[in-house]
Structure formats: C-alpha cells, structure tokens
All heavy atoms as atom14 arrays in JSON, in Angstrom:
{
  "sequence": "TPGGAILYKAHSVLETICVDRDTMHYKELIAPKFAELVYYGKWFTP",
  "atom14_mask": [
    [1, 1, 1, 1, 1, 1, 1, 0, 0, 0, 0, 0, 0, 0],
    [1, 1, 1, 1, 1, 1, 1, 0, 0, 0, 0, 0, 0, 0],
    [1, 1, 1, 1, 0, 0, 0, 0, 0, 0, 0, 0, 0, 0],
    [1, 1, 1, 1, 0, 0, 0, 0, 0, 0, 0, 0, 0, 0],
    [1, 1, 1, 1, 1, 0, 0, 0, 0, 0, 0, 0, 0, 0],
    [1, 1, 1, 1, 1, 1, 1, 1, 0, 0, 0, 0, 0, 0],
    [1, 1, 1, 1, 1, 1, 1, 1, 0, 0, 0, 0, 0, 0],
    [1, 1, 1, 1, 1, 1, 1, 1, 1, 1, 1, 1, 0, 0],
    [1, 1, 1, 1, 1, 1, 1, 1, 1, 0, 0, 0, 0, 0],
    [1, 1, 1, 1, 1, 0, 0, 0, 0, 0, 0, 0, 0, 0],
    [1, 1, 1, 1, 1, 1, 1, 1, 1, 1, 0, 0, 0, 0],
    [1, 1, 1, 1, 1, 1, 0, 0, 0, 0, 0, 0, 0, 0],
    [1, 1, 1, 1, 1, 1, 1, 0, 0, 0, 0, 0, 0, 0],
    [1, 1, 1, 1, 1, 1, 1, 1, 0, 0, 0, 0, 0, 0],
    [1, 1, 1, 1, 1, 1, 1, 1, 1, 0, 0, 0, 0, 0],
    [1, 1, 1, 1, 1, 1, 1, 0, 0, 0, 0, 0, 0, 0],
    [1, 1, 1, 1, 1, 1, 1, 1, 0, 0, 0, 0, 0, 0],
    [1, 1, 1, 1, 1, 1, 0, 0, 0, 0, 0, 0, 0, 0],
    [1, 1, 1, 1, 1, 1, 1, 0, 0, 0, 0, 0, 0, 0],
    [1, 1, 1, 1, 1, 1, 1, 1, 0, 0, 0, 0, 0, 0],
    [1, 1, 1, 1, 1, 1, 1, 1, 1, 1, 1, 0, 0, 0],
    [1, 1, 1, 1, 1, 1, 1, 1, 0, 0, 0, 0, 0, 0],
    [1, 1, 1, 1, 1, 1, 1, 0, 0, 0, 0, 0, 0, 0],
    [1, 1, 1, 1, 1, 1, 1, 1, 0, 0, 0, 0, 0, 0],
    [1, 1, 1, 1, 1, 1, 1, 1, 1, 1, 0, 0, 0, 0],
    [1, 1, 1, 1, 1, 1, 1, 1, 1, 1, 1, 1, 0, 0],
    [1, 1, 1, 1, 1, 1, 1, 1, 1, 0, 0, 0, 0, 0],
    [1, 1, 1, 1, 1, 1, 1, 1, 1, 0, 0, 0, 0, 0],
    [1, 1, 1, 1, 1, 1, 1, 1, 0, 0, 0, 0, 0, 0],
    [1, 1, 1, 1, 1, 1, 1, 1, 0, 0, 0, 0, 0, 0],
    [1, 1, 1, 1, 1, 0, 0, 0, 0, 0, 0, 0, 0, 0],
    [1, 1, 1, 1, 1, 1, 1, 0, 0, 0, 0, 0, 0, 0],
    [1, 1, 1, 1, 1, 1, 1, 1, 1, 0, 0, 0, 0, 0],
    [1, 1, 1, 1, 1, 1, 1, 1, 1, 1, 1, 0, 0, 0],
    [1, 1, 1, 1, 1, 0, 0, 0, 0, 0, 0, 0, 0, 0],
    [1, 1, 1, 1, 1, 1, 1, 1, 1, 0, 0, 0, 0, 0],
    [1, 1, 1, 1, 1, 1, 1, 1, 0, 0, 0, 0, 0, 0],
    [1, 1, 1, 1, 1, 1, 1, 0, 0, 0, 0, 0, 0, 0],
    [1, 1, 1, 1, 1, 1, 1, 1, 1, 1, 1, 1, 0, 0],
    [1, 1, 1, 1, 1, 1, 1, 1, 1, 1, 1, 1, 0, 0],
    [1, 1, 1, 1, 0, 0, 0, 0, 0, 0, 0, 0, 0, 0],
    [1, 1, 1, 1, 1, 1, 1, 1, 1, 0, 0, 0, 0, 0],
    [1, 1, 1, 1, 1, 1, 1, 1, 1, 1, 1, 1, 1, 1],
    [1, 1, 1, 1, 1, 1, 1, 1, 1, 1, 1, 0, 0, 0],
    [1, 1, 1, 1, 1, 1, 1, 0, 0, 0, 0, 0, 0, 0],
    [1, 1, 1, 1, 1, 1, 1, 0, 0, 0, 0, 0, 0, 0]
  ],
  "atom14_positions": [
    [[-3.37, 4.22, 3.94], [-2.91, 2.81, 4.1], [-1.6, 2.8, 4.87], [-0.56, 2.43, 4.35], [-2.72, 2.13, 2.76], [-3.75, 2.54, 1.82], [-2.73, 0.63, 2.85], [0.0, 0.0, 0.0], [0.0, 0.0, 0.0], [0.0, 0.0, 0.0], [0.0, 0.0, 0.0], [0.0, 0.0, 0.0], [0.0, 0.0, 0.0], [0.0, 0.0, 0.0]],
    [[-1.64, 3.23, 6.12], [-0.38, 3.4, 6.86], [0.38, 2.1, 7.11], [1.59, 2.01, 6.8], [-0.81, 4.04, 8.2], [-2.28, 3.74, 8.33], [-2.79, 3.7, 6.94], [0.0, 0.0, 0.0], [0.0, 0.0, 0.0], [0.0, 0.0, 0.0], [0.0, 0.0, 0.0], [0.0, 0.0, 0.0], [0.0, 0.0, 0.0], [0.0, 0.0, 0.0]],
    [[-0.26, 1.09, 7.63], [0.37, -0.19, 7.86], [0.79, -0.87, 6.58], [1.89, -1.44, 6.49], [0.0, 0.0, 0.0], [0.0, 0.0, 0.0], [0.0, 0.0, 0.0], [0.0, 0.0, 0.0], [0.0, 0.0, 0.0], [0.0, 0.0, 0.0], [0.0, 0.0, 0.0], [0.0, 0.0, 0.0], [0.0, 0.0, 0.0], [0.0, 0.0, 0.0]],
    [[-0.1, -0.82, 5.62], [0.2, -1.44, 4.33], [1.44, -0.84, 3.62], [2.28, -1.54, 3.08], [0.0, 0.0, 0.0], [0.0, 0.0, 0.0], [0.0, 0.0, 0.0], [0.0, 0.0, 0.0], [0.0, 0.0, 0.0], [0.0, 0.0, 0.0], [0.0, 0.0, 0.0], [0.0, 0.0, 0.0], [0.0, 0.0, 0.0], [0.0, 0.0, 0.0]],
    [[1.53, 0.49, 3.69], [2.66, 1.16, 3.09], [3.98, 0.69, 3.76], [5.0, 0.46, 3.04], [2.52, 2.68, 3.21], [0.0, 0.0, 0.0], [0.0, 0.0, 0.0], [0.0, 0.0, 0.0], [0.0, 0.0, 0.0], [0.0, 0.0, 0.0], [0.0, 0.0, 0.0], [0.0, 0.0, 0.0], [0.0, 0.0, 0.0], [0.0, 0.0, 0.0]],
    [[3.95, 0.61, 5.07], [5.16, 0.12, 5.79], [5.51, -1.31, 5.37], [6.7, -1.61, 5.11], [4.91, 0.21, 7.31], [4.8, 1.67, 7.74], [6.06, -0.48, 8.06], [4.35, 1.82, 9.2], [0.0, 0.0, 0.0], [0.0, 0.0, 0.0], [0.0, 0.0, 0.0], [0.0, 0.0, 0.0], [0.0, 0.0, 0.0], [0.0, 0.0, 0.0]],
    [[4.53, -2.19, 5.29], [4.81, -3.59, 4.94], [5.33, -3.7, 3.51], [6.25, -4.5, 3.27], [3.53, -4.41, 5.1], [3.13, -4.69, 6.57], [1.73, -5.26, 6.65], [4.14, -5.67, 7.22], [0.0, 0.0, 0.0], [0.0, 0.0, 0.0], [0.0, 0.0, 0.0], [0.0, 0.0, 0.0], [0.0, 0.0, 0.0], [0.0, 0.0, 0.0]],
    [[4.76, -2.97, 2.57], [5.27, -3.03, 1.19], [6.71, -2.54, 1.13], [7.52, -3.15, 0.44], [4.39, -2.17, 0.28], [3.32, -2.98, -0.43], [2.13, -3.34, 0.19], [3.47, -3.39, -1.77], [1.13, -4.08, -0.45], [2.51, -4.1, -2.42], [1.35, -4.46, -1.78], [0.35, -5.18, -2.42], [0.0, 0.0, 0.0], [0.0, 0.0, 0.0]],
    [[7.0, -1.46, 1.82], [8.37, -0.93, 1.8], [9.34, -1.94, 2.43], [10.37, -2.25, 1.84], [8.39, 0.37, 2.62], [9.8, 0.97, 2.87], [10.45, 1.48, 1.57], [11.73, 2.19, 1.87], [12.42, 2.67, 0.64], [0.0, 0.0, 0.0], [0.0, 0.0, 0.0], [0.0, 0.0, 0.0], [0.0, 0.0, 0.0], [0.0, 0.0, 0.0]],
    [[8.99, -2.44, 3.59], [9.86, -3.39, 4.29], [10.1, -4.67, 3.45], [11.21, -5.19, 3.33], [9.29, -3.77, 5.67], [0.0, 0.0, 0.0], [0.0, 0.0, 0.0], [0.0, 0.0, 0.0], [0.0, 0.0, 0.0], [0.0, 0.0, 0.0], [0.0, 0.0, 0.0], [0.0, 0.0, 0.0], [0.0, 0.0, 0.0], [0.0, 0.0, 0.0]],
    [[9.03, -5.2, 2.88], [9.16, -6.4, 2.05], [10.03, -6.2, 0.86], [10.87, -7.04, 0.53], [7.75, -6.85, 1.64], [7.73, -8.12, 0.83], [7.72, -8.13, -0.57], [7.79, -9.43, 1.19], [7.76, -9.36, -0.99], [7.77, -10.19, 0.03], [0.0, 0.0, 0.0], [0.0, 0.0, 0.0], [0.0, 0.0, 0.0], [0.0, 0.0, 0.0]],
    [[9.9, -5.03, 0.25], [10.68, -4.69, -0.94], [12.19, -4.6, -0.56], [13.06, -5.1, -1.29], [10.22, -3.39, -1.55], [11.05, -2.98, -2.61], [0.0, 0.0, 0.0], [0.0, 0.0, 0.0], [0.0, 0.0, 0.0], [0.0, 0.0, 0.0], [0.0, 0.0, 0.0], [0.0, 0.0, 0.0], [0.0, 0.0, 0.0], [0.0, 0.0, 0.0]],
    [[12.45, -3.97, 0.6], [13.84, -3.86, 1.03], [14.44, -5.25, 1.28], [15.58, -5.5, 0.89], [13.92, -2.97, 2.32], [15.29, -3.05, 2.93], [13.55, -1.52, 1.99], [0.0, 0.0, 0.0], [0.0, 0.0, 0.0], [0.0, 0.0, 0.0], [0.0, 0.0, 0.0], [0.0, 0.0, 0.0], [0.0, 0.0, 0.0], [0.0, 0.0, 0.0]],
    [[13.7, -6.11, 1.96], [14.21, -7.42, 2.26], [14.5, -8.22, 0.99], [15.51, -8.94, 0.9], [13.22, -8.19, 3.13], [13.64, -9.57, 3.61], [14.96, -9.53, 4.37], [12.54, -10.22, 4.45], [0.0, 0.0, 0.0], [0.0, 0.0, 0.0], [0.0, 0.0, 0.0], [0.0, 0.0, 0.0], [0.0, 0.0, 0.0], [0.0, 0.0, 0.0]],
    [[13.65, -8.09, -0.03], [13.86, -8.8, -1.28], [15.17, -8.41, -1.96], [15.78, -9.23, -2.66], [12.7, -8.6, -2.24], [11.47, -9.4, -1.9], [10.47, -9.37, -3.01], [10.25, -8.3, -3.63], [9.86, -10.43, -3.32], [0.0, 0.0, 0.0], [0.0, 0.0, 0.0], [0.0, 0.0, 0.0], [0.0, 0.0, 0.0], [0.0, 0.0, 0.0]],
    [[15.62, -7.14, -1.74], [16.87, -6.71, -2.4], [18.06, -7.54, -2.0], [19.02, -7.66, -2.82], [17.18, -5.23, -2.12], [17.43, -5.05, -0.71], [16.02, -4.34, -2.54], [0.0, 0.0, 0.0], [0.0, 0.0, 0.0], [0.0, 0.0, 0.0], [0.0, 0.0, 0.0], [0.0, 0.0, 0.0], [0.0, 0.0, 0.0], [0.0, 0.0, 0.0]],
    [[18.04, -8.11, -0.78], [19.23, -8.93, -0.43], [18.96, -10.44, -0.51], [19.9, -11.26, -0.38], [19.73, -8.59, 0.98], [18.72, -8.92, 2.06], [20.12, -7.08, 1.05], [19.28, -8.83, 3.48], [0.0, 0.0, 0.0], [0.0, 0.0, 0.0], [0.0, 0.0, 0.0], [0.0, 0.0, 0.0], [0.0, 0.0, 0.0], [0.0, 0.0, 0.0]],
    [[17.71, -10.84, -0.72], [17.35, -12.27, -0.66], [17.02, -12.89, -2.03], [17.01, -14.13, -2.15], [16.17, -12.5, 0.27], [16.47, -12.08, 1.99], [0.0, 0.0, 0.0], [0.0, 0.0, 0.0], [0.0, 0.0, 0.0], [0.0, 0.0, 0.0], [0.0, 0.0, 0.0], [0.0, 0.0, 0.0], [0.0, 0.0, 0.0], [0.0, 0.0, 0.0]],
    [[16.72, -12.07, -3.01], [16.26, -12.59, -4.29], [17.29, -12.28, -5.36], [17.78, -11.17, -5.46], [14.89, -11.98, -4.69], [14.4, -12.52, -6.03], [13.83, -12.23, -3.59], [0.0, 0.0, 0.0], [0.0, 0.0, 0.0], [0.0, 0.0, 0.0], [0.0, 0.0, 0.0], [0.0, 0.0, 0.0], [0.0, 0.0, 0.0], [0.0, 0.0, 0.0]],
    [[17.62, -13.31, -6.17], [18.62, -13.14, -7.23], [18.08, -12.17, -8.32], [16.88, -11.97, -8.46], [19.02, -14.46, -7.85], [17.87, -15.11, -8.58], [16.97, -15.75, -7.96], [17.81, -14.93, -9.83], [0.0, 0.0, 0.0], [0.0, 0.0, 0.0], [0.0, 0.0, 0.0], [0.0, 0.0, 0.0], [0.0, 0.0, 0.0], [0.0, 0.0, 0.0]],
    [[19.0, -11.67, -9.1], [18.69, -10.64, -10.06], [17.62, -11.08, -11.1], [16.66, -10.37, -11.31], [19.97, -10.19, -10.84], [19.72, -9.07, -11.87], [20.97, -8.78, -12.64], [21.42, -9.93, -13.43], [22.58, -9.98, -14.1], [23.43, -8.99, -13.98], [22.89, -11.06, -14.8], [0.0, 0.0, 0.0], [0.0, 0.0, 0.0], [0.0, 0.0, 0.0]],
    [[17.83, -12.22, -11.74], [16.88, -12.64, -12.77], [15.49, -12.83, -12.21], [14.49, -12.41, -12.82], [17.38, -13.96, -13.43], [18.57, -13.79, -14.33], [18.9, -12.59, -14.63], [19.14, -14.78, -14.8], [0.0, 0.0, 0.0], [0.0, 0.0, 0.0], [0.0, 0.0, 0.0], [0.0, 0.0, 0.0], [0.0, 0.0, 0.0], [0.0, 0.0, 0.0]],
    [[15.39, -13.47, -11.05], [14.08, -13.7, -10.45], [13.44, -12.33, -10.07], [12.24, -12.17, -10.32], [14.2, -14.61, -9.22], [14.81, -15.83, -9.58], [12.87, -14.85, -8.59], [0.0, 0.0, 0.0], [0.0, 0.0, 0.0], [0.0, 0.0, 0.0], [0.0, 0.0, 0.0], [0.0, 0.0, 0.0], [0.0, 0.0, 0.0], [0.0, 0.0, 0.0]],
    [[14.21, -11.48, -9.47], [13.67, -10.15, -9.07], [13.11, -9.4, -10.28], [12.02, -8.84, -10.25], [14.72, -9.34, -8.34], [14.26, -7.95, -7.93], [15.47, -6.99, -7.08], [15.34, -7.82, -5.46], [0.0, 0.0, 0.0], [0.0, 0.0, 0.0], [0.0, 0.0, 0.0], [0.0, 0.0, 0.0], [0.0, 0.0, 0.0], [0.0, 0.0, 0.0]],
    [[13.9, -9.38, -11.34], [13.48, -8.61, -12.51], [12.27, -9.22, -13.18], [11.37, -8.48, -13.63], [14.61, -8.52, -13.57], [15.77, -7.65, -13.12], [16.88, -7.42, -13.88], [15.89, -6.93, -11.97], [17.68, -6.57, -13.25], [17.13, -6.27, -12.06], [0.0, 0.0, 0.0], [0.0, 0.0, 0.0], [0.0, 0.0, 0.0], [0.0, 0.0, 0.0]],
    [[12.18, -10.53, -13.18], [10.98, -11.18, -13.8], [9.77, -10.96, -12.86], [8.65, -10.69, -13.34], [11.19, -12.67, -14.03], [10.15, -13.22, -14.96], [10.24, -13.05, -16.34], [9.03, -13.9, -14.47], [9.25, -13.55, -17.17], [8.03, -14.38, -15.28], [8.17, -14.19, -16.67], [7.17, -14.66, -17.5], [0.0, 0.0, 0.0], [0.0, 0.0, 0.0]],
    [[10.0, -11.04, -11.57], [8.9, -10.83, -10.64], [8.33, -9.4, -10.76], [7.14, -9.17, -10.66], [9.4, -11.06, -9.17], [8.35, -10.93, -8.13], [8.9, -11.41, -6.79], [7.85, -11.23, -5.66], [7.73, -9.83, -5.22], [0.0, 0.0, 0.0], [0.0, 0.0, 0.0], [0.0, 0.0, 0.0], [0.0, 0.0, 0.0], [0.0, 0.0, 0.0]],
    [[9.24, -8.46, -11.05], [8.77, -7.05, -11.24], [7.94, -6.94, -12.5], [7.1, -6.03, -12.6], [10.01, -6.14, -11.31], [10.69, -5.91, -9.98], [11.99, -5.16, -10.12], [12.48, -4.99, -11.24], [12.54, -4.76, -9.07], [0.0, 0.0, 0.0], [0.0, 0.0, 0.0], [0.0, 0.0, 0.0], [0.0, 0.0, 0.0], [0.0, 0.0, 0.0]],
    [[8.12, -7.82, -13.47], [7.28, -7.8, -14.66], [5.88, -8.34, -14.41], [4.92, -7.82, -14.99], [7.92, -8.68, -15.76], [9.22, -8.19, -16.38], [9.74, -9.23, -17.38], [9.02, -6.82, -17.09], [0.0, 0.0, 0.0], [0.0, 0.0, 0.0], [0.0, 0.0, 0.0], [0.0, 0.0, 0.0], [0.0, 0.0, 0.0], [0.0, 0.0, 0.0]],
    [[5.75, -9.33, -13.53], [4.4, -9.92, -13.33], [3.65, -9.19, -12.24], [2.42, -9.34, -12.12], [4.51, -11.43, -13.02], [5.18, -11.71, -11.69], [5.18, -12.18, -14.17], [4.26, -11.97, -10.54], [0.0, 0.0, 0.0], [0.0, 0.0, 0.0], [0.0, 0.0, 0.0], [0.0, 0.0, 0.0], [0.0, 0.0, 0.0], [0.0, 0.0, 0.0]],
    [[4.3, -8.39, -11.39], [3.6, -7.71, -10.31], [2.47, -6.8, -10.81], [1.39, -6.82, -10.25], [4.61, -6.89, -9.48], [0.0, 0.0, 0.0], [0.0, 0.0, 0.0], [0.0, 0.0, 0.0], [0.0, 0.0, 0.0], [0.0, 0.0, 0.0], [0.0, 0.0, 0.0], [0.0, 0.0, 0.0], [0.0, 0.0, 0.0], [0.0, 0.0, 0.0]],
    [[2.66, -5.99, -11.84], [1.56, -5.21, -12.36], [0.37, -6.05, -12.86], [-0.77, -5.66, -12.69], [2.16, -4.39, -13.51], [3.62, -4.34, -13.23], [3.93, -5.68, -12.58], [0.0, 0.0, 0.0], [0.0, 0.0, 0.0], [0.0, 0.0, 0.0], [0.0, 0.0, 0.0], [0.0, 0.0, 0.0], [0.0, 0.0, 0.0], [0.0, 0.0, 0.0]],
    [[0.67, -7.18, -13.45], [-0.42, -8.07, -13.92], [-1.17, -8.64, -12.74], [-2.38, -8.75, -12.77], [0.17, -9.22, -14.78], [-0.94, -10.06, -15.41], [-1.82, -9.25, -16.37], [-2.94, -10.07, -16.95], [-3.77, -9.22, -17.88], [0.0, 0.0, 0.0], [0.0, 0.0, 0.0], [0.0, 0.0, 0.0], [0.0, 0.0, 0.0], [0.0, 0.0, 0.0]],
    [[-0.45, -9.04, -11.68], [-1.07, -9.56, -10.47], [-2.0, -8.47, -9.89], [-3.17, -8.74, -9.54], [-0.02, -9.96, -9.46], [-0.53, -10.81, -8.33], [-0.2, -12.15, -8.24], [-1.32, -10.25, -7.31], [-0.65, -12.95, -7.2], [-1.78, -11.02, -6.27], [-1.46, -12.34, -6.21], [0.0, 0.0, 0.0], [0.0, 0.0, 0.0], [0.0, 0.0, 0.0]],
    [[-1.51, -7.21, -9.85], [-2.29, -6.13, -9.31], [-3.57, -5.88, -10.14], [-4.65, -5.61, -9.64], [-1.46, -4.88, -9.24], [0.0, 0.0, 0.0], [0.0, 0.0, 0.0], [0.0, 0.0, 0.0], [0.0, 0.0, 0.0], [0.0, 0.0, 0.0], [0.0, 0.0, 0.0], [0.0, 0.0, 0.0], [0.0, 0.0, 0.0], [0.0, 0.0, 0.0]],
    [[-3.36, -6.0, -11.47], [-4.49, -5.81, -12.39], [-5.6, -6.84, -12.18], [-6.76, -6.57, -12.14], [-4.01, -5.83, -13.83], [-5.04, -5.45, -14.88], [-4.45, -5.48, -16.26], [-4.35, -6.63, -16.83], [-4.07, -4.44, -16.77], [0.0, 0.0, 0.0], [0.0, 0.0, 0.0], [0.0, 0.0, 0.0], [0.0, 0.0, 0.0], [0.0, 0.0, 0.0]],
    [[-5.16, -8.1, -11.99], [-6.07, -9.19, -11.73], [-6.88, -8.93, -10.43], [-8.11, -9.15, -10.39], [-5.39, -10.52, -11.69], [-4.77, -11.05, -12.97], [-3.9, -12.28, -12.69], [-5.88, -11.39, -13.99], [0.0, 0.0, 0.0], [0.0, 0.0, 0.0], [0.0, 0.0, 0.0], [0.0, 0.0, 0.0], [0.0, 0.0, 0.0], [0.0, 0.0, 0.0]],
    [[-6.18, -8.5, -9.41], [-6.86, -8.23, -8.13], [-7.79, -7.05, -8.3], [-8.94, -7.11, -7.85], [-5.82, -7.9, -7.03], [-6.52, -7.52, -5.75], [-4.87, -9.09, -6.79], [0.0, 0.0, 0.0], [0.0, 0.0, 0.0], [0.0, 0.0, 0.0], [0.0, 0.0, 0.0], [0.0, 0.0, 0.0], [0.0, 0.0, 0.0], [0.0, 0.0, 0.0]],
    [[-7.36, -6.0, -8.97], [-8.21, -4.83, -9.16], [-9.45, -5.15, -9.95], [-10.53, -4.61, -9.7], [-7.37, -3.74, -9.92], [-8.02, -2.38, -9.96], [-7.92, -1.47, -8.91], [-8.77, -1.97, -11.04], [-8.5, -0.2, -8.94], [-9.36, -0.77, -11.15], [-9.23, 0.15, -10.07], [-9.84, 1.38, -10.15], [0.0, 0.0, 0.0], [0.0, 0.0, 0.0]],
    [[-9.31, -6.01, -10.92], [-10.43, -6.41, -11.84], [-11.34, -7.43, -11.2], [-12.33, -7.79, -11.81], [-9.9, -6.93, -13.15], [-9.22, -5.9, -14.05], [-8.62, -6.31, -15.23], [-9.25, -4.56, -13.75], [-8.0, -5.38, -16.05], [-8.63, -3.64, -14.55], [-8.0, -4.05, -15.73], [-7.41, -3.18, -16.56], [0.0, 0.0, 0.0], [0.0, 0.0, 0.0]],
    [[-11.01, -7.91, -10.02], [-11.87, -8.89, -9.35], [-11.66, -10.33, -9.82], [-12.48, -11.21, -9.56], [0.0, 0.0, 0.0], [0.0, 0.0, 0.0], [0.0, 0.0, 0.0], [0.0, 0.0, 0.0], [0.0, 0.0, 0.0], [0.0, 0.0, 0.0], [0.0, 0.0, 0.0], [0.0, 0.0, 0.0], [0.0, 0.0, 0.0], [0.0, 0.0, 0.0]],
    [[-10.51, -10.59, -10.44], [-10.26, -11.94, -11.01], [-9.39, -12.76, -10.02], [-8.41, -13.37, -10.42], [-9.54, -11.8, -12.35], [-10.42, -11.21, -13.44], [-9.69, -11.24, -14.78], [-10.61, -10.83, -15.91], [-9.9, -10.92, -17.21], [0.0, 0.0, 0.0], [0.0, 0.0, 0.0], [0.0, 0.0, 0.0], [0.0, 0.0, 0.0], [0.0, 0.0, 0.0]],
    [[-9.81, -12.74, -8.73], [-9.03, -13.48, -7.73], [-9.16, -14.98, -7.97], [-8.19, -15.7, -7.96], [-9.49, -13.14, -6.32], [-8.64, -13.75, -5.29], [-8.8, -14.96, -4.69], [-7.4, -13.2, -4.8], [-7.77, -15.22, -3.8], [-6.9, -14.17, -3.85], [-6.69, -12.01, -5.01], [-5.7, -13.95, -3.18], [-5.51, -11.82, -4.33], [-5.04, -12.79, -3.42]],
    [[-10.38, -15.47, -8.17], [-10.56, -16.91, -8.34], [-10.47, -17.3, -9.8], [-11.43, -17.72, -10.45], [-11.95, -17.3, -7.74], [-12.02, -17.05, -6.27], [-12.7, -15.94, -5.78], [-11.41, -17.89, -5.36], [-12.79, -15.7, -4.41], [-11.48, -17.7, -3.99], [-12.17, -16.58, -3.52], [0.0, 0.0, 0.0], [0.0, 0.0, 0.0], [0.0, 0.0, 0.0]],
    [[-9.25, -17.12, -10.32], [-9.0, -17.47, -11.75], [-7.7, -18.25, -11.83], [-6.83, -18.14, -10.97], [-8.86, -16.18, -12.6], [-7.79, -15.39, -12.1], [-10.14, -15.4, -12.58], [0.0, 0.0, 0.0], [0.0, 0.0, 0.0], [0.0, 0.0, 0.0], [0.0, 0.0, 0.0], [0.0, 0.0, 0.0], [0.0, 0.0, 0.0], [0.0, 0.0, 0.0]],
    [[-7.55, -19.06, -12.87], [-6.34, -19.86, -13.05], [-5.08, -19.04, -13.1], [-4.03, -19.39, -12.57], [-6.55, -20.58, -14.36], [-8.06, -20.68, -14.47], [-8.59, -19.41, -13.9], [0.0, 0.0, 0.0], [0.0, 0.0, 0.0], [0.0, 0.0, 0.0], [0.0, 0.0, 0.0], [0.0, 0.0, 0.0], [0.0, 0.0, 0.0], [0.0, 0.0, 0.0]]
  ]
}
C-alpha cells in the first residue's frame, strides 16, 4: 500500500498542528472502531 501509507502518514502529521488535544485524543479512541466497522463490512450502517 505505497500511496496509502504516504497519505496516512502525511494526514497524521498535519493533524498534529491543526487539531486540539481533546479532539485528537477522542478521535484516536474512535479510529479503531471505525476501522473495525469497515473491516466487518458495516459501511452502510448508522
């Protein structure tokens, strides 16, 4: 996943200066759940 790895890295770096601490930390909590939903095929879910 060459392009994808670059995009994830770059996006993460940009967030370090643009997103406040509380939002960043909470977003890091929901990211694994989002990934799990995608992995499980639950894209079209509430």
